[in-house]
PDB file of N, CA and C in Angstrom:
ATOM      1  N   MET A   1      15.863  -0.490   5.132  1.00  0.00           N
ATOM      2  CA  MET A   1      14.554  -0.312   4.547  1.00  0.00           C
ATOM      3  C   MET A   1      13.830   0.894   5.151  1.00  0.00           C
ATOM      4  N   VAL A   2      13.955   1.066   6.470  1.00  0.00           N
ATOM      5  CA  VAL A   2      13.276   2.185   7.138  1.00  0.00           C
ATOM      6  C   VAL A   2      13.801   3.516   6.610  1.00  0.00           C
ATOM      7  N   ASN A   3      15.115   3.666   6.461  1.00  0.00           N
ATOM      8  CA  ASN A   3      15.678   4.908   5.926  1.00  0.00           C
ATOM      9  C   ASN A   3      15.170   5.189   4.528  1.00  0.00           C
ATOM     10  N   TYR A   4      15.102   4.142   3.713  1.00  0.00           N
ATOM     11  CA  TYR A   4      14.610   4.281   2.338  1.00  0.00           C
ATOM     12  C   TYR A   4      13.178   4.807   2.345  1.00  0.00           C
ATOM     13  N   MET A   5      12.325   4.215   3.177  1.00  0.00           N
ATOM     14  CA  MET A   5      10.928   4.650   3.244  1.00  0.00           C
ATOM     15  C   MET A   5      10.816   6.060   3.817  1.00  0.00           C
ATOM     16  N   ASN A   6      11.604   6.377   4.818  1.00  0.00           N
ATOM     17  CA  ASN A   6      11.581   7.725   5.380  1.00  0.00           C
ATOM     18  C   ASN A   6      11.992   8.766   4.345  1.00  0.00           C
ATOM     19  N   ASN A   7      12.974   8.435   3.513  1.00  0.00           N
ATOM     20  CA  ASN A   7      13.384   9.356   2.449  1.00  0.00           C
ATOM     21  C   ASN A   7      12.242   9.607   1.474  1.00  0.00           C
ATOM     22  N   ILE A   8      11.530   8.556   1.105  1.00  0.00           N
ATOM     23  CA  ILE A   8      10.393   8.712   0.193  1.00  0.00           C
ATOM     24  C   ILE A   8       9.301   9.552   0.842  1.00  0.00           C
ATOM     25  N   ILE A   9       8.984   9.252   2.088  1.00  0.00           N
ATOM     26  CA  ILE A   9       7.935   9.998   2.797  1.00  0.00           C
ATOM     27  C   ILE A   9       8.310  11.474   2.921  1.00  0.00           C
ATOM     28  N   ASN A  10       9.543  11.756   3.288  1.00  0.00           N
ATOM     29  CA  ASN A  10       9.977  13.151   3.413  1.00  0.00           C
ATOM     30  C   ASN A  10       9.899  13.886   2.083  1.00  0.00           C
ATOM     31  N   ARG A  11      10.273  13.219   1.007  1.00  0.00           N
ATOM     32  CA  ARG A  11      10.191  13.843  -0.319  1.00  0.00           C
ATOM     33  C   ARG A  11       8.742  14.118  -0.694  1.00  0.00           C
ATOM     34  N   LEU A  12       7.859  13.179  -0.419  1.00  0.00           N
ATOM     35  CA  LEU A  12       6.444  13.381  -0.716  1.00  0.00           C
ATOM     36  C   LEU A  12       5.858  14.529   0.104  1.00  0.00           C
ATOM     37  N   LYS A  13       6.272  14.644   1.353  1.00  0.00           N
ATOM     38  CA  LYS A  13       5.794  15.741   2.201  1.00  0.00           C
ATOM     39  C   LYS A  13       6.209  17.091   1.636  1.00  0.00           C
ATOM     40  N   GLU A  14       7.366  17.148   0.990  1.00  0.00           N
ATOM     41  CA  GLU A  14       7.822  18.389   0.351  1.00  0.00           C
ATOM     42  C   GLU A  14       6.962  18.733  -0.866  1.00  0.00           C
ATOM     43  N   GLU A  15       6.442  17.711  -1.529  1.00  0.00           N
ATOM     44  CA  GLU A  15       5.729  17.897  -2.790  1.00  0.00           C
ATOM     45  C   GLU A  15       4.225  18.098  -2.632  1.00  0.00           C
ATOM     46  N   THR A  16       3.649  17.675  -1.507  1.00  0.00           N
ATOM     47  CA  THR A  16       2.196  17.745  -1.351  1.00  0.00           C
ATOM     48  C   THR A  16       1.827  17.991   0.105  1.00  0.00           C
ATOM     49  N   ASN A  17       0.658  18.543   0.307  1.00  0.00           N
ATOM     50  CA  ASN A  17       0.126  18.672   1.667  1.00  0.00           C
ATOM     51  C   ASN A  17      -1.047  17.715   1.864  1.00  0.00           C
ATOM     52  N   ASN A  18      -1.191  16.763   0.947  1.00  0.00           N
ATOM     53  CA  ASN A  18      -2.308  15.838   0.977  1.00  0.00           C
ATOM     54  C   ASN A  18      -1.799  14.394   1.047  1.00  0.00           C
ATOM     55  N   LEU A  19      -0.870  14.149   1.948  1.00  0.00           N
ATOM     56  CA  LEU A  19      -0.250  12.836   2.075  1.00  0.00           C
ATOM     57  C   LEU A  19      -0.944  12.037   3.177  1.00  0.00           C
ATOM     58  N   ILE A  20      -1.355  10.831   2.840  1.00  0.00           N
ATOM     59  CA  ILE A  20      -1.981   9.937   3.802  1.00  0.00           C
ATOM     60  C   ILE A  20      -1.128   8.680   3.854  1.00  0.00           C
ATOM     61  N   ILE A  21      -0.714   8.283   5.050  1.00  0.00           N
ATOM     62  CA  ILE A  21       0.099   7.078   5.216  1.00  0.00           C
ATOM     63  C   ILE A  21      -0.723   6.049   5.973  1.00  0.00           C
ATOM     64  N   ILE A  22      -0.925   4.901   5.332  1.00  0.00           N
ATOM     65  CA  ILE A  22      -1.654   3.802   5.949  1.00  0.00           C
ATOM     66  C   ILE A  22      -0.706   2.609   5.938  1.00  0.00           C
ATOM     67  N   GLN A  23      -0.233   2.199   7.089  1.00  0.00           N
ATOM     68  CA  GLN A  23       0.780   1.154   7.163  1.00  0.00           C
ATOM     69  C   GLN A  23       0.225  -0.238   6.917  1.00  0.00           C
ATOM     70  N   ASN A  24      -1.029  -0.460   7.215  1.00  0.00           N
ATOM     71  CA  ASN A  24      -1.639  -1.765   7.009  1.00  0.00           C
ATOM     72  C   ASN A  24      -2.037  -1.889   5.537  1.00  0.00           C
ATOM     73  N   ARG A  25      -1.438  -2.841   4.823  1.00  0.00           N
ATOM     74  CA  ARG A  25      -1.648  -2.975   3.384  1.00  0.00           C
ATOM     75  C   ARG A  25      -3.122  -3.191   3.031  1.00  0.00           C
ATOM     76  N   LYS A  26      -3.785  -4.056   3.762  1.00  0.00           N
ATOM     77  CA  LYS A  26      -5.200  -4.352   3.517  1.00  0.00           C
ATOM     78  C   LYS A  26      -6.045  -3.086   3.679  1.00  0.00           C
ATOM     79  N   GLU A  27      -5.831  -2.350   4.745  1.00  0.00           N
ATOM     80  CA  GLU A  27      -6.578  -1.109   4.982  1.00  0.00           C
ATOM     81  C   GLU A  27      -6.272  -0.071   3.909  1.00  0.00           C
ATOM     82  N   ALA A  28      -5.022   0.000   3.481  1.00  0.00           N
ATOM     83  CA  ALA A  28      -4.637   0.967   2.453  1.00  0.00           C
ATOM     84  C   ALA A  28      -5.324   0.671   1.131  1.00  0.00           C
ATOM     85  N   ILE A  29      -5.373  -0.599   0.752  1.00  0.00           N
ATOM     86  CA  ILE A  29      -6.036  -0.967  -0.502  1.00  0.00           C
ATOM     87  C   ILE A  29      -7.523  -0.642  -0.420  1.00  0.00           C
ATOM     88  N   ARG A  30      -8.155  -1.003   0.670  1.00  0.00           N
ATOM     89  CA  ARG A  30      -9.582  -0.704   0.832  1.00  0.00           C
ATOM     90  C   ARG A  30      -9.849   0.802   0.793  1.00  0.00           C
ATOM     91  N   TYR A  31      -9.005   1.567   1.468  1.00  0.00           N
ATOM     92  CA  TYR A  31      -9.154   3.024   1.479  1.00  0.00           C
ATOM     93  C   TYR A  31      -9.099   3.571   0.053  1.00  0.00           C
ATOM     94  N   CYS A  32      -8.100   3.128  -0.694  1.00  0.00           N
ATOM     95  CA  CYS A  32      -7.928   3.631  -2.058  1.00  0.00           C
ATOM     96  C   CYS A  32      -9.076   3.217  -2.970  1.00  0.00           C
ATOM     97  N   ILE A  33      -9.529   1.991  -2.841  1.00  0.00           N
ATOM     98  CA  ILE A  33     -10.667   1.546  -3.655  1.00  0.00           C
ATOM     99  C   ILE A  33     -11.885   2.411  -3.373  1.00  0.00           C
ATOM    100  N   ASN A  34     -12.115   2.741  -2.123  1.00  0.00           N
ATOM    101  CA  ASN A  34     -13.265   3.571  -1.763  1.00  0.00           C
ATOM    102  C   ASN A  34     -13.155   5.001  -2.273  1.00  0.00           C
ATOM    103  N   LYS A  35     -11.945   5.460  -2.579  1.00  0.00           N
ATOM    104  CA  LYS A  35     -11.737   6.821  -3.078  1.00  0.00           C
ATOM    105  C   LYS A  35     -11.787   6.913  -4.601  1.00  0.00           C
ATOM    106  N   LEU A  36     -11.806   5.774  -5.289  1.00  0.00           N
ATOM    107  CA  LEU A  36     -11.805   5.785  -6.747  1.00  0.00           C
ATOM    108  C   LEU A  36     -13.092   6.402  -7.288  1.00  0.00           C
ATOM    109  N   ILE A  37     -12.942   7.171  -8.360  1.00  0.00           N
ATOM    110  CA  ILE A  37     -14.093   7.698  -9.083  1.00  0.00           C
ATOM    111  C   ILE A  37     -13.952   7.275 -10.549  1.00  0.00           C
ATOM    112  N   SER A  38     -14.941   7.571 -11.329  1.00  0.00           N
ATOM    113  CA  SER A  38     -14.975   7.159 -12.731  1.00  0.00           C
ATOM    114  C   SER A  38     -13.678   7.517 -13.450  1.00  0.00           C
ATOM    115  N   ASN A  39     -13.158   6.577 -14.208  1.00  0.00           N
ATOM    116  CA  ASN A  39     -11.938   6.718 -15.007  1.00  0.00           C
ATOM    117  C   ASN A  39     -10.658   6.769 -14.185  1.00  0.00           C
ATOM    118  N   ASP A  40     -10.710   6.498 -12.892  1.00  0.00           N
ATOM    119  CA  ASP A  40      -9.499   6.411 -12.066  1.00  0.00           C
ATOM    120  C   ASP A  40      -8.840   5.044 -12.250  1.00  0.00           C
ATOM    121  N   TYR A  41      -7.560   5.010 -11.998  1.00  0.00           N
ATOM    122  CA  TYR A  41      -6.790   3.768 -11.977  1.00  0.00           C
ATOM    123  C   TYR A  41      -6.182   3.604 -10.594  1.00  0.00           C
ATOM    124  N   LEU A  42      -6.053   2.377 -10.163  1.00  0.00           N
ATOM    125  CA  LEU A  42      -5.370   2.088  -8.909  1.00  0.00           C
ATOM    126  C   LEU A  42      -4.283   1.067  -9.200  1.00  0.00           C
ATOM    127  N   LEU A  43      -3.040   1.434  -8.954  1.00  0.00           N
ATOM    128  CA  LEU A  43      -1.917   0.525  -9.104  1.00  0.00           C
ATOM    129  C   LEU A  43      -1.540   0.007  -7.725  1.00  0.00           C
ATOM    130  N   ILE A  44      -1.481  -1.294  -7.594  1.00  0.00           N
ATOM    131  CA  ILE A  44      -1.081  -1.921  -6.338  1.00  0.00           C
ATOM    132  C   ILE A  44       0.267  -2.571  -6.608  1.00  0.00           C
ATOM    133  N   LEU A  45       1.310  -1.981  -6.053  1.00  0.00           N
ATOM    134  CA  LEU A  45       2.676  -2.364  -6.391  1.00  0.00           C
ATOM    135  C   LEU A  45       3.456  -2.839  -5.173  1.00  0.00           C
ATOM    136  N   GLY A  46       4.520  -3.557  -5.442  1.00  0.00           N
ATOM    137  CA  GLY A  46       5.499  -3.841  -4.402  1.00  0.00           C
ATOM    138  C   GLY A  46       5.482  -5.226  -3.816  1.00  0.00           C
ATOM    139  N   LYS A  47       4.380  -5.928  -3.890  1.00  0.00           N
ATOM    140  CA  LYS A  47       4.314  -7.225  -3.236  1.00  0.00           C
ATOM    141  C   LYS A  47       4.482  -8.381  -4.211  1.00  0.00           C
ATOM    142  N   GLY A  48       4.061  -8.207  -5.419  1.00  0.00           N
ATOM    143  CA  GLY A  48       4.113  -9.299  -6.374  1.00  0.00           C
ATOM    144  C   GLY A  48       2.892 -10.193  -6.234  1.00  0.00           C
ATOM    145  N   ASN A  49       3.001 -11.411  -6.748  1.00  0.00           N
ATOM    146  CA  ASN A  49       1.839 -12.301  -6.737  1.00  0.00           C
ATOM    147  C   ASN A  49       1.906 -13.359  -5.646  1.00  0.00           C
ATOM    148  N   GLU A  50       2.733 -13.151  -4.644  1.00  0.00           N
ATOM    149  CA  GLU A  50       2.827 -14.105  -3.543  1.00  0.00           C
ATOM    150  C   GLU A  50       1.483 -14.191  -2.816  1.00  0.00           C
ATOM    151  N   GLU A  51       1.217 -15.336  -2.249  1.00  0.00           N
ATOM    152  CA  GLU A  51      -0.031 -15.570  -1.514  1.00  0.00           C
ATOM    153  C   GLU A  51       0.164 -15.395  -0.009  1.00  0.00           C
ATOM    154  N   TYR A  52       1.229 -14.723   0.388  1.00  0.00           N
ATOM    155  CA  TYR A  52       1.506 -14.537   1.811  1.00  0.00           C
ATOM    156  C   TYR A  52       2.356 -13.272   2.001  1.00  0.00           C
ATOM    157  N   MET A  53       2.400 -12.802   3.229  1.00  0.00           N
ATOM    158  CA  MET A  53       3.297 -11.726   3.643  1.00  0.00           C
ATOM    159  C   MET A  53       4.127 -12.256   4.800  1.00  0.00           C
ATOM    160  N   ILE A  54       5.300 -11.712   4.966  1.00  0.00           N
ATOM    161  CA  ILE A  54       6.127 -12.070   6.118  1.00  0.00           C
ATOM    162  C   ILE A  54       6.143 -10.860   7.045  1.00  0.00           C
ATOM    163  N   LYS A  55       5.688 -11.075   8.266  1.00  0.00           N
ATOM    164  CA  LYS A  55       5.657 -10.000   9.258  1.00  0.00           C
ATOM    165  C   LYS A  55       6.183 -10.567  10.566  1.00  0.00           C
ATOM    166  N   ASN A  56       7.239  -9.967  11.094  1.00  0.00           N
ATOM    167  CA  ASN A  56       7.866 -10.445  12.332  1.00  0.00           C
ATOM    168  C   ASN A  56       8.236 -11.929  12.235  1.00  0.00           C
ATOM    169  N   ASN A  57       8.842 -12.310  11.124  1.00  0.00           N
ATOM    170  CA  ASN A  57       9.273 -13.692  10.860  1.00  0.00           C
ATOM    171  C   ASN A  57       8.122 -14.691  10.832  1.00  0.00           C
ATOM    172  N   GLU A  58       6.904 -14.220  10.632  1.00  0.00           N
ATOM    173  CA  GLU A  58       5.736 -15.088  10.552  1.00  0.00           C
ATOM    174  C   GLU A  58       5.115 -14.962   9.168  1.00  0.00           C
ATOM    175  N   TYR A  59       4.798 -16.092   8.542  1.00  0.00           N
ATOM    176  CA  TYR A  59       4.136 -16.102   7.245  1.00  0.00           C
ATOM    177  C   TYR A  59       2.634 -15.948   7.454  1.00  0.00           C
ATOM    178  N   ILE A  60       2.061 -14.935   6.818  1.00  0.00           N
ATOM    179  CA  ILE A  60       0.647 -14.645   6.963  1.00  0.00           C
ATOM    180  C   ILE A  60      -0.005 -14.782   5.585  1.00  0.00           C
ATOM    181  N   LYS A  61      -1.039 -15.606   5.484  1.00  0.00           N
ATOM    182  CA  LYS A  61      -1.739 -15.776   4.214  1.00  0.00           C
ATOM    183  C   LYS A  61      -2.373 -14.444   3.815  1.00  0.00           C
ATOM    184  N   TYR A  62      -2.029 -13.962   2.618  1.00  0.00           N
ATOM    185  CA  TYR A  62      -2.569 -12.689   2.140  1.00  0.00           C
ATOM    186  C   TYR A  62      -2.364 -12.584   0.644  1.00  0.00           C
ATOM    187  N   SER A  63      -3.377 -12.123  -0.052  1.00  0.00           N
ATOM    188  CA  SER A  63      -3.306 -11.940  -1.498  1.00  0.00           C
ATOM    189  C   SER A  63      -3.909 -10.583  -1.870  1.00  0.00           C
ATOM    190  N   ASP A  64      -3.140  -9.744  -2.561  1.00  0.00           N
ATOM    191  CA  ASP A  64      -3.686  -8.481  -3.050  1.00  0.00           C
ATOM    192  C   ASP A  64      -4.878  -8.736  -3.965  1.00  0.00           C
ATOM    193  N   TYR A  65      -4.756  -9.746  -4.802  1.00  0.00           N
ATOM    194  CA  TYR A  65      -5.845 -10.090  -5.732  1.00  0.00           C
ATOM    195  C   TYR A  65      -7.128 -10.380  -4.962  1.00  0.00           C
ATOM    196  N   GLU A  66      -7.041 -11.204  -3.950  1.00  0.00           N
ATOM    197  CA  GLU A  66      -8.228 -11.539  -3.162  1.00  0.00           C
ATOM    198  C   GLU A  66      -8.791 -10.315  -2.450  1.00  0.00           C
ATOM    199  N   GLU A  67      -7.937  -9.417  -2.064  1.00  0.00           N
ATOM    200  CA  GLU A  67      -8.381  -8.200  -1.379  1.00  0.00           C
ATOM    201  C   GLU A  67      -9.198  -7.303  -2.319  1.00  0.00           C
ATOM    202  N   VAL A  68      -8.799  -7.270  -3.565  1.00  0.00           N
ATOM    203  CA  VAL A  68      -9.443  -6.376  -4.536  1.00  0.00           C
ATOM    204  C   VAL A  68     -10.756  -6.938  -5.045  1.00  0.00           C
ATOM    205  N   ILE A  69     -10.808  -8.243  -5.283  1.00  0.00           N
ATOM    206  CA  ILE A  69     -12.052  -8.785  -5.870  1.00  0.00           C
ATOM    207  C   ILE A  69     -13.048  -8.965  -4.798  1.00  0.00           C
TER     208      ILE A  69
END
């Protein structure tokens, strides 16, 4: 998984000089919401509709939906 993400990050660095990486999902969503302007869209992808995240073999209650509303 790390190699896959590094490949994506390296490709993005080649394409733009305006790359911001926020590893904490909650902080990243909040950051993006605060940057939205009229007629912008925000796609939140990758997690699905699960009500938890798994981090270091620990289940953590978390919902993208709850974060956005």
